[in-house]
Amino acid sequence: MARIFYSLAGEGRGHATRVRAIVEELRNFHEFTIFAPAAAYELLAAAFADSTIQVIKIPGLMFHYSQQRMDYLRTVRDAAGYLFRLNPLVNWMEAKIRDGQPDLVITDFDPALPRAAERCGIPYLSIDHQHLLTDCDLSQLPLSLRVSASLMAQVVRMYYRHQRETVISSFYFPSVLPLHHNVQQSGVLLRPEVLQATSESAGHVLVYLRRFASRAILQALKQCRRNVLIYGLGELPSDGNLRFCPVDERFFLEDLIACDALISNAGNQLIGEAIFLGKPVLAIPEVGNFEQFINAHFLRAEGGGDWITADRFDLTELMAFLEPTCERPVAVNRHRMNGMPTVIAAIERHLPRVTTPAFINSPFQKVA
C-alpha cells in the first residue's frame, strides 16, 4: 500500500469531481491525504467524512465575478495576495511531506504542493485539464481564442514544470504537440455511478449554472414547455415549470441520467459526463472565461452539442436546440470519455512498486 498526497484547485466542480473519482477507485489500495481549497474542500470533506482519507483545507486561486462576468481586477488582486503567501504555504506543505513521507504526489492544477514535493525530492504527477493549453495543438481554434490560449499557457507553465508525467483529462482530444514527452491524454474521470448508469429519458431539461442566470435566460426556460430542473442558483421557490434544486451530488446525478438535455456552463468535466450518458449539451460559456469558450468550440465541432453566449440566449435559440434533441444523437464517441484506465496506469507507473490490481472486478473495465 502506497501513501499518496493529492492537491487540487478549487474553481468549479471539475477538479473536485476528478479527484474524488480517482480516490474512490484507489482508496482500498492506497492511503490518501487530500489538500483542497474553497468549494472543492467542502465537497471532498463531505464525501470522505466517514473514512480514513484525510482532507485538509488550503488557500487557493479563485476567479471573481461581478455583473455576470469575470472581474479581472479582483481576480488579479486575489492572485497577487495568494502569490505573496505562497512561500509560507509551500513551507507548511514541505513539513507535511517530511512528516507524512508520501511515495507520490499528484496535483490537479495546484502550484503549492508540487513545489514542496520538489524540495523533498518526491516525484509528482499532473492530472488536470489545463495542461491542454501547453501541450496540445490548438491551431484549429479561432484566432482570438488561440491568442488567449497562448497567453494563458504561459501562466500554466508557471504553476509547475517538473512533473514526471502529465495526464490531460478532457472530453476532446486535440493532438499532442511534437517533442512534448511524457504527456498522456485521457477522457474525463467518471465515477462508478456514472459508468454503471443506464441512461433514460424522464422528459425534463437539466440546467446547471454555477453562479448566475440572467432574467432573460430564466424567462426563456420558463416558456419552453418542458419541465426544467435548475441547479447552482440555490434552493428557491418553484416558478411554473422551473424547479430550483439545492446542491446535492446524488440527486444531480440522478437528474442528469434521466434528462433529455443538459444546459450548463462550459465546464469540461460535466460536459464529458453528459456526453458519456448520451445527453446533448447546450453550453453557455461564462463571460471572460476563455477556457470555457475553448470547451464550447470543441463541443460544437465534435458533435456533442452546441453553445451560445448568455446575451443571445432566448426562447428561439433554446427551442432550436431542444426541438431536435430526441432525433439528434450525440455524435461523439462516448466510450472514449472514460479516462480512468489511462489515469490509473499513469499513477501505477510512478509508484515504487506495483500494488494495485485496480481493474479486478472494476466497472472501469467494462467500458474501456
Protein backbone atom coordinates (compact mmCIF):
# COMPACT_ATOMS: atom_id res chain seq x y z
CA MET A 1 0.00 0.00 0.00
CA ALA A 2 1.45 3.35 -1.06
CA ARG A 3 0.91 6.74 0.55
CA ILE A 4 -0.25 9.48 -1.84
CA PHE A 5 -0.62 13.23 -1.24
CA TYR A 6 -3.08 14.86 -3.65
CA SER A 7 -3.72 18.60 -4.13
CA LEU A 8 -6.14 20.45 -6.36
CA ALA A 9 -7.52 23.79 -7.40
CA GLY A 10 -10.92 24.86 -6.09
CA GLU A 11 -12.54 26.57 -9.05
CA GLY A 12 -15.72 24.82 -10.24
CA ARG A 13 -16.74 21.22 -9.62
CA GLY A 14 -14.46 19.65 -12.25
CA HIS A 15 -11.27 19.48 -10.17
CA ALA A 16 -13.05 18.02 -7.14
CA THR A 17 -15.00 15.53 -9.26
CA ARG A 18 -11.81 14.28 -10.91
CA VAL A 19 -10.02 13.86 -7.61
CA ARG A 20 -12.98 12.14 -5.99
CA ALA A 21 -13.29 9.66 -8.87
CA ILE A 22 -9.60 8.71 -8.70
CA VAL A 23 -9.52 8.41 -4.92
CA GLU A 24 -12.71 6.34 -4.87
CA GLU A 25 -11.13 3.89 -7.32
CA LEU A 26 -7.85 3.57 -5.39
CA ARG A 27 -8.86 4.08 -1.74
CA ASN A 28 -8.84 0.35 -0.97
CA PHE A 29 -5.26 0.02 -2.21
CA HIS A 30 -3.51 3.22 -1.14
CA GLU A 31 -3.59 5.84 1.62
CA PHE A 32 -4.60 9.36 0.57
CA THR A 33 -4.23 12.82 2.05
CA ILE A 34 -6.04 15.50 0.03
CA PHE A 35 -5.24 19.23 0.09
CA ALA A 36 -8.19 21.24 -1.23
CA PRO A 37 -9.33 24.87 -1.23
CA ALA A 38 -12.75 26.53 -1.11
CA ALA A 39 -15.73 24.64 -2.60
CA ALA A 40 -13.53 21.66 -3.51
CA TYR A 41 -12.72 21.21 0.17
CA GLU A 42 -16.41 21.30 1.12
CA LEU A 43 -17.32 18.69 -1.50
CA LEU A 44 -14.45 16.32 -0.70
CA ALA A 45 -14.62 16.71 3.07
CA ALA A 46 -18.27 15.71 2.96
CA ALA A 47 -17.62 12.82 0.55
CA PHE A 48 -14.88 11.30 2.72
CA ALA A 49 -16.17 12.31 6.16
CA ASP A 50 -16.60 8.72 7.36
CA SER A 51 -13.36 7.33 6.02
CA THR A 52 -9.65 7.19 6.74
CA ILE A 53 -8.99 9.68 3.93
CA GLN A 54 -7.83 12.99 5.34
CA VAL A 55 -8.99 16.18 3.60
CA ILE A 56 -7.08 19.32 4.60
CA LYS A 57 -8.19 22.84 3.70
CA ILE A 58 -5.67 25.12 1.97
CA PRO A 59 -5.80 28.56 0.29
CA GLY A 60 -6.29 28.58 -3.46
CA LEU A 61 -6.54 30.80 -6.50
CA MET A 62 -10.11 31.74 -7.41
CA PHE A 63 -11.89 33.63 -10.18
CA HIS A 64 -14.06 36.55 -9.09
CA TYR A 65 -17.20 37.73 -10.86
CA SER A 66 -19.32 40.87 -10.88
CA GLN A 67 -22.29 41.83 -13.06
CA GLN A 68 -22.35 38.33 -14.55
CA ARG A 69 -18.82 38.40 -15.95
CA MET A 70 -15.32 37.74 -14.72
CA ASP A 71 -13.89 40.60 -12.66
CA TYR A 72 -10.28 40.66 -13.82
CA LEU A 73 -9.20 43.33 -11.32
CA ARG A 74 -10.42 41.39 -8.29
CA THR A 75 -9.10 38.13 -9.75
CA VAL A 76 -5.61 39.59 -10.31
CA ARG A 77 -5.63 41.26 -6.89
CA ASP A 78 -6.57 37.97 -5.22
CA ALA A 79 -3.90 36.14 -7.23
CA ALA A 80 -1.29 38.67 -6.12
CA GLY A 81 -2.24 38.08 -2.49
CA TYR A 82 -2.07 34.31 -2.98
CA LEU A 83 1.37 34.53 -4.59
CA PHE A 84 2.58 36.74 -1.73
CA ARG A 85 1.57 34.00 0.71
CA LEU A 86 2.71 31.11 -1.50
CA ASN A 87 6.15 30.54 0.03
CA PRO A 88 4.82 30.15 3.61
CA LEU A 89 2.21 27.72 2.23
CA VAL A 90 4.92 25.72 0.44
CA ASN A 91 6.98 25.67 3.65
CA TRP A 92 3.98 24.30 5.55
CA MET A 93 3.37 21.65 2.88
CA GLU A 94 7.04 20.73 2.90
CA ALA A 95 6.75 19.99 6.61
CA LYS A 96 3.64 17.88 5.92
CA ILE A 97 5.55 15.88 3.31
CA ARG A 98 8.57 15.32 5.56
CA ASP A 99 6.27 14.20 8.35
CA GLY A 100 3.96 12.02 6.21
CA GLN A 101 6.59 10.59 3.83
CA PRO A 102 4.32 10.07 0.79
CA ASP A 103 5.50 7.79 -2.01
CA LEU A 104 3.93 10.00 -4.67
CA VAL A 105 2.38 13.44 -5.04
CA ILE A 106 -0.41 14.18 -7.52
CA THR A 107 -1.72 17.63 -8.34
CA ASP A 108 -4.75 18.88 -10.21
CA PHE A 109 -3.56 22.40 -11.03
CA ASP A 110 -2.37 23.45 -7.57
CA PRO A 111 1.01 25.22 -7.55
CA ALA A 112 1.94 24.77 -3.88
CA LEU A 113 2.24 21.03 -3.23
CA PRO A 114 4.40 20.38 -6.34
CA ARG A 115 6.91 23.00 -5.13
CA ALA A 116 7.03 21.33 -1.74
CA ALA A 117 7.48 17.92 -3.40
CA GLU A 118 10.43 19.24 -5.41
CA ARG A 119 12.12 20.45 -2.24
CA CYS A 120 11.68 17.00 -0.69
CA GLY A 121 12.70 15.02 -3.77
CA ILE A 122 9.27 13.36 -4.08
CA PRO A 123 8.06 12.62 -7.64
CA TYR A 124 4.79 14.17 -8.69
CA LEU A 125 2.24 13.80 -11.47
CA SER A 126 -0.05 16.39 -13.02
CA ILE A 127 -3.63 15.26 -13.78
CA ASP A 128 -5.79 18.14 -14.96
CA HIS A 129 -7.48 19.77 -17.94
CA GLN A 130 -5.46 22.99 -18.03
CA HIS A 131 -2.26 21.50 -19.48
CA LEU A 132 -4.14 21.07 -22.74
CA LEU A 133 -3.13 24.73 -23.23
CA THR A 134 0.58 23.96 -23.08
CA ASP A 135 0.84 20.51 -24.65
CA CYS A 136 -1.83 20.23 -27.37
CA ASP A 137 -2.23 21.57 -30.90
CA LEU A 138 -4.97 24.23 -30.73
CA SER A 139 -4.39 25.63 -34.21
CA GLN A 140 -7.98 24.88 -35.26
CA LEU A 141 -9.33 27.43 -32.78
CA PRO A 142 -10.44 30.90 -33.94
CA LEU A 143 -7.62 33.46 -33.81
CA SER A 144 -8.92 35.26 -30.73
CA LEU A 145 -9.05 32.01 -28.75
CA ARG A 146 -5.60 30.95 -29.99
CA VAL A 147 -4.17 34.23 -28.69
CA SER A 148 -5.89 33.81 -25.32
CA ALA A 149 -4.77 30.19 -25.09
CA SER A 150 -1.18 31.16 -25.87
CA LEU A 151 -1.18 33.81 -23.13
CA MET A 152 -2.77 31.53 -20.56
CA ALA A 153 -0.32 28.76 -21.45
CA GLN A 154 2.45 30.94 -20.01
CA VAL A 155 0.57 31.10 -16.70
CA VAL A 156 0.06 27.32 -16.68
CA ARG A 157 3.79 26.80 -17.19
CA MET A 158 4.47 28.97 -14.13
CA TYR A 159 2.36 26.71 -11.88
CA TYR A 160 4.83 23.82 -12.03
CA ARG A 161 7.01 22.24 -14.71
CA HIS A 162 8.95 19.29 -13.30
CA GLN A 163 6.19 16.69 -13.12
CA ARG A 164 7.23 13.15 -14.05
CA GLU A 165 4.18 12.80 -16.30
CA THR A 166 1.25 14.94 -17.43
CA VAL A 167 -2.21 13.49 -17.95
CA ILE A 168 -4.69 15.79 -19.73
CA SER A 169 -8.28 14.89 -18.89
CA SER A 170 -10.71 16.21 -21.49
CA PHE A 171 -13.86 15.40 -23.44
CA TYR A 172 -11.99 16.33 -26.65
CA PHE A 173 -8.60 15.22 -27.92
CA PRO A 174 -6.51 17.67 -29.95
CA SER A 175 -3.20 16.07 -30.86
CA VAL A 176 -0.23 16.38 -28.51
CA LEU A 177 2.45 18.71 -29.82
CA PRO A 178 5.66 17.16 -31.20
CA LEU A 179 8.50 16.73 -28.71
CA HIS A 180 6.13 17.01 -25.73
CA HIS A 181 7.14 13.81 -23.98
CA ASN A 182 5.51 12.08 -21.02
CA VAL A 183 2.13 13.56 -21.90
CA GLN A 184 -0.93 11.33 -21.92
CA GLN A 185 -4.48 12.15 -22.98
CA SER A 186 -7.48 10.69 -21.24
CA GLY A 187 -11.20 11.22 -21.23
CA VAL A 188 -12.88 12.71 -18.20
CA LEU A 189 -12.73 10.88 -14.87
CA LEU A 190 -16.06 9.10 -14.49
CA ARG A 191 -17.33 7.91 -11.14
CA PRO A 192 -18.63 4.32 -10.89
CA GLU A 193 -22.18 5.71 -10.52
CA VAL A 194 -21.85 7.30 -13.96
CA LEU A 195 -20.19 4.30 -15.60
CA GLN A 196 -22.81 1.90 -14.29
CA ALA A 197 -25.79 4.16 -15.06
CA THR A 198 -28.41 3.26 -17.63
CA SER A 199 -29.35 6.47 -19.39
CA GLU A 200 -33.07 7.16 -19.58
CA SER A 201 -35.47 9.94 -20.51
CA ALA A 202 -37.83 11.37 -17.91
CA GLY A 203 -38.76 14.34 -20.08
CA HIS A 204 -37.00 17.12 -18.18
CA VAL A 205 -34.23 19.55 -19.09
CA LEU A 206 -31.39 19.81 -16.58
CA VAL A 207 -29.76 23.20 -16.06
CA TYR A 208 -26.54 23.86 -14.17
CA LEU A 209 -25.42 27.48 -13.88
CA ARG A 210 -22.92 27.75 -11.10
CA ARG A 211 -23.01 31.47 -10.46
CA PHE A 212 -25.82 33.33 -12.10
CA ALA A 213 -28.57 33.29 -14.65
CA SER A 214 -29.95 36.41 -16.27
CA ARG A 215 -33.65 37.18 -16.21
CA ALA A 216 -33.71 36.54 -19.98
CA ILE A 217 -32.32 33.00 -19.53
CA LEU A 218 -34.84 32.16 -16.82
CA GLN A 219 -37.70 33.64 -18.87
CA ALA A 220 -36.77 31.58 -21.92
CA LEU A 221 -36.59 28.42 -19.80
CA LYS A 222 -39.97 29.24 -18.30
CA GLN A 223 -41.53 29.47 -21.77
CA CYS A 224 -40.01 26.30 -23.25
CA ARG A 225 -42.91 23.99 -22.32
CA ARG A 226 -40.56 21.49 -20.65
CA ASN A 227 -40.01 20.62 -17.01
CA VAL A 228 -36.76 22.35 -16.07
CA LEU A 229 -34.60 21.40 -13.06
CA ILE A 230 -32.12 24.13 -12.15
CA TYR A 231 -29.01 23.60 -10.01
CA GLY A 232 -26.43 26.15 -8.94
CA LEU A 233 -28.68 29.11 -8.11
CA GLY A 234 -29.78 27.89 -4.70
CA GLU A 235 -33.00 26.40 -3.40
CA LEU A 236 -35.69 28.89 -4.48
CA PRO A 237 -39.49 28.56 -4.75
CA SER A 238 -40.69 26.81 -7.90
CA ASP A 239 -41.82 29.11 -10.70
CA GLY A 240 -44.18 27.41 -13.15
CA ASN A 241 -42.17 24.70 -14.90
CA LEU A 242 -38.94 25.78 -13.20
CA ARG A 243 -37.80 23.88 -10.10
CA PHE A 244 -34.75 25.17 -8.24
CA CYS A 245 -32.76 22.40 -6.58
CA PRO A 246 -30.28 22.54 -3.69
CA VAL A 247 -26.74 21.37 -4.32
CA ASP A 248 -26.71 17.59 -3.92
CA GLU A 249 -24.35 15.39 -5.92
CA ARG A 250 -26.54 12.28 -5.75
CA PHE A 251 -29.77 13.98 -6.84
CA PHE A 252 -27.94 15.96 -9.52
CA LEU A 253 -26.50 12.77 -10.99
CA GLU A 254 -29.91 11.10 -10.95
CA ASP A 255 -31.38 14.08 -12.79
CA LEU A 256 -28.50 14.04 -15.30
CA ILE A 257 -29.01 10.35 -16.03
CA ALA A 258 -32.72 10.93 -16.68
CA CYS A 259 -32.69 14.28 -18.52
CA ASP A 260 -33.43 14.88 -22.20
CA ALA A 261 -30.71 17.54 -22.48
CA LEU A 262 -28.24 19.48 -20.36
CA ILE A 263 -27.83 23.26 -20.36
CA SER A 264 -24.79 24.39 -18.40
CA ASN A 265 -21.70 26.49 -18.22
CA ALA A 266 -18.98 25.06 -20.44
CA GLY A 267 -17.04 23.13 -17.81
CA ASN A 268 -15.01 20.21 -19.14
CA GLN A 269 -15.91 17.55 -16.56
CA LEU A 270 -19.70 17.95 -16.63
CA ILE A 271 -19.83 18.07 -20.43
CA GLY A 272 -17.83 14.84 -20.57
CA GLU A 273 -20.19 13.13 -18.13
CA ALA A 274 -23.21 14.25 -20.16
CA ILE A 275 -21.69 13.05 -23.44
CA PHE A 276 -20.88 9.67 -21.89
CA LEU A 277 -24.54 9.38 -20.91
CA GLY A 278 -25.64 10.34 -24.43
CA LYS A 279 -27.10 13.72 -23.43
CA PRO A 280 -26.87 16.65 -25.87
CA VAL A 281 -25.38 19.74 -24.24
CA LEU A 282 -26.13 23.42 -24.78
CA ALA A 283 -23.20 25.28 -23.21
CA ILE A 284 -23.24 28.87 -22.02
CA PRO A 285 -19.59 29.88 -21.55
CA GLU A 286 -19.02 32.31 -18.70
CA VAL A 287 -18.17 35.79 -19.98
CA GLY A 288 -14.43 36.35 -19.73
CA ASN A 289 -13.62 32.68 -19.13
CA PHE A 290 -11.84 31.87 -22.37
CA GLU A 291 -11.14 28.28 -21.29
CA GLN A 292 -14.88 27.67 -21.32
CA PHE A 293 -15.09 29.18 -24.81
CA ILE A 294 -12.44 26.69 -25.96
CA ASN A 295 -14.51 23.86 -24.47
CA ALA A 296 -17.61 25.23 -26.20
CA HIS A 297 -15.81 25.37 -29.55
CA PHE A 298 -14.86 21.69 -29.36
CA LEU A 299 -18.30 20.71 -28.06
CA ARG A 300 -19.84 22.02 -31.28
CA ALA A 301 -17.00 20.88 -33.55
CA GLU A 302 -17.12 17.28 -32.32
CA GLY A 303 -20.89 16.83 -32.30
CA GLY A 304 -21.62 16.76 -28.58
CA GLY A 305 -24.00 19.68 -28.69
CA ASP A 306 -23.91 23.43 -29.26
CA TRP A 307 -23.15 26.66 -27.44
CA ILE A 308 -24.49 30.17 -27.12
CA THR A 309 -23.44 33.30 -25.25
CA ALA A 310 -25.61 34.41 -22.35
CA ASP A 311 -26.63 37.64 -24.08
CA ARG A 312 -28.01 35.71 -27.10
CA PHE A 313 -29.93 33.14 -25.08
CA ASP A 314 -33.64 33.48 -25.81
CA LEU A 315 -36.64 31.25 -26.45
CA THR A 316 -35.97 30.99 -30.19
CA GLU A 317 -32.39 29.81 -29.69
CA LEU A 318 -33.43 27.50 -26.87
CA MET A 319 -36.16 25.80 -28.90
CA ALA A 320 -33.84 25.47 -31.90
CA PHE A 321 -31.66 23.35 -29.63
CA LEU A 322 -34.37 21.44 -27.76
CA GLU A 323 -36.77 20.51 -30.54
CA PRO A 324 -34.46 18.13 -32.44
CA THR A 325 -32.77 16.59 -29.38
CA CYS A 326 -34.92 13.46 -29.42
CA GLU A 327 -33.95 12.79 -33.05
CA ARG A 328 -30.37 14.02 -32.87
CA PRO A 329 -27.97 11.54 -31.24
CA VAL A 330 -24.74 12.74 -29.69
CA ALA A 331 -22.07 12.20 -32.36
CA VAL A 332 -19.05 11.95 -30.05
CA ASN A 333 -17.58 8.51 -29.28
CA ARG A 334 -18.98 8.21 -25.75
CA HIS A 335 -16.75 5.28 -24.76
CA ARG A 336 -13.67 7.45 -25.25
CA MET A 337 -14.96 9.65 -22.41
CA ASN A 338 -13.80 7.09 -19.83
CA GLY A 339 -10.35 8.30 -18.86
CA MET A 340 -9.89 6.23 -15.71
CA PRO A 341 -7.81 3.36 -17.17
CA THR A 342 -5.25 5.81 -18.59
CA VAL A 343 -5.01 7.72 -15.31
CA ILE A 344 -4.68 4.65 -13.09
CA ALA A 345 -1.94 3.26 -15.34
CA ALA A 346 -0.06 6.58 -15.10
CA ILE A 347 -0.26 6.59 -11.30
CA GLU A 348 0.93 2.99 -11.05
CA ARG A 349 3.92 3.72 -13.30
CA HIS A 350 5.28 6.12 -10.72
CA LEU A 351 4.68 4.23 -7.51
CA PRO A 352 7.69 2.44 -6.01
CA ARG A 353 6.12 -0.96 -6.53
CA VAL A 354 3.11 -2.45 -8.32
CA THR A 355 0.47 -2.63 -5.60
CA THR A 356 -2.90 -2.02 -7.20
CA PRO A 357 -4.90 -4.69 -9.02
CA ALA A 358 -7.06 -1.71 -9.92
CA PHE A 359 -9.26 -3.28 -12.54
CA ILE A 360 -10.07 -6.62 -10.94
CA ASN A 361 -13.87 -6.66 -10.74
CA SER A 362 -13.87 -2.95 -11.55
CA PRO A 363 -16.65 -1.22 -13.50
CA PHE A 364 -13.99 0.68 -15.47
CA GLN A 365 -13.01 -2.49 -17.28
CA LYS A 366 -16.42 -2.83 -18.88
CA VAL A 367 -16.35 0.32 -20.97
CA ALA A 368 -12.66 0.85 -21.64
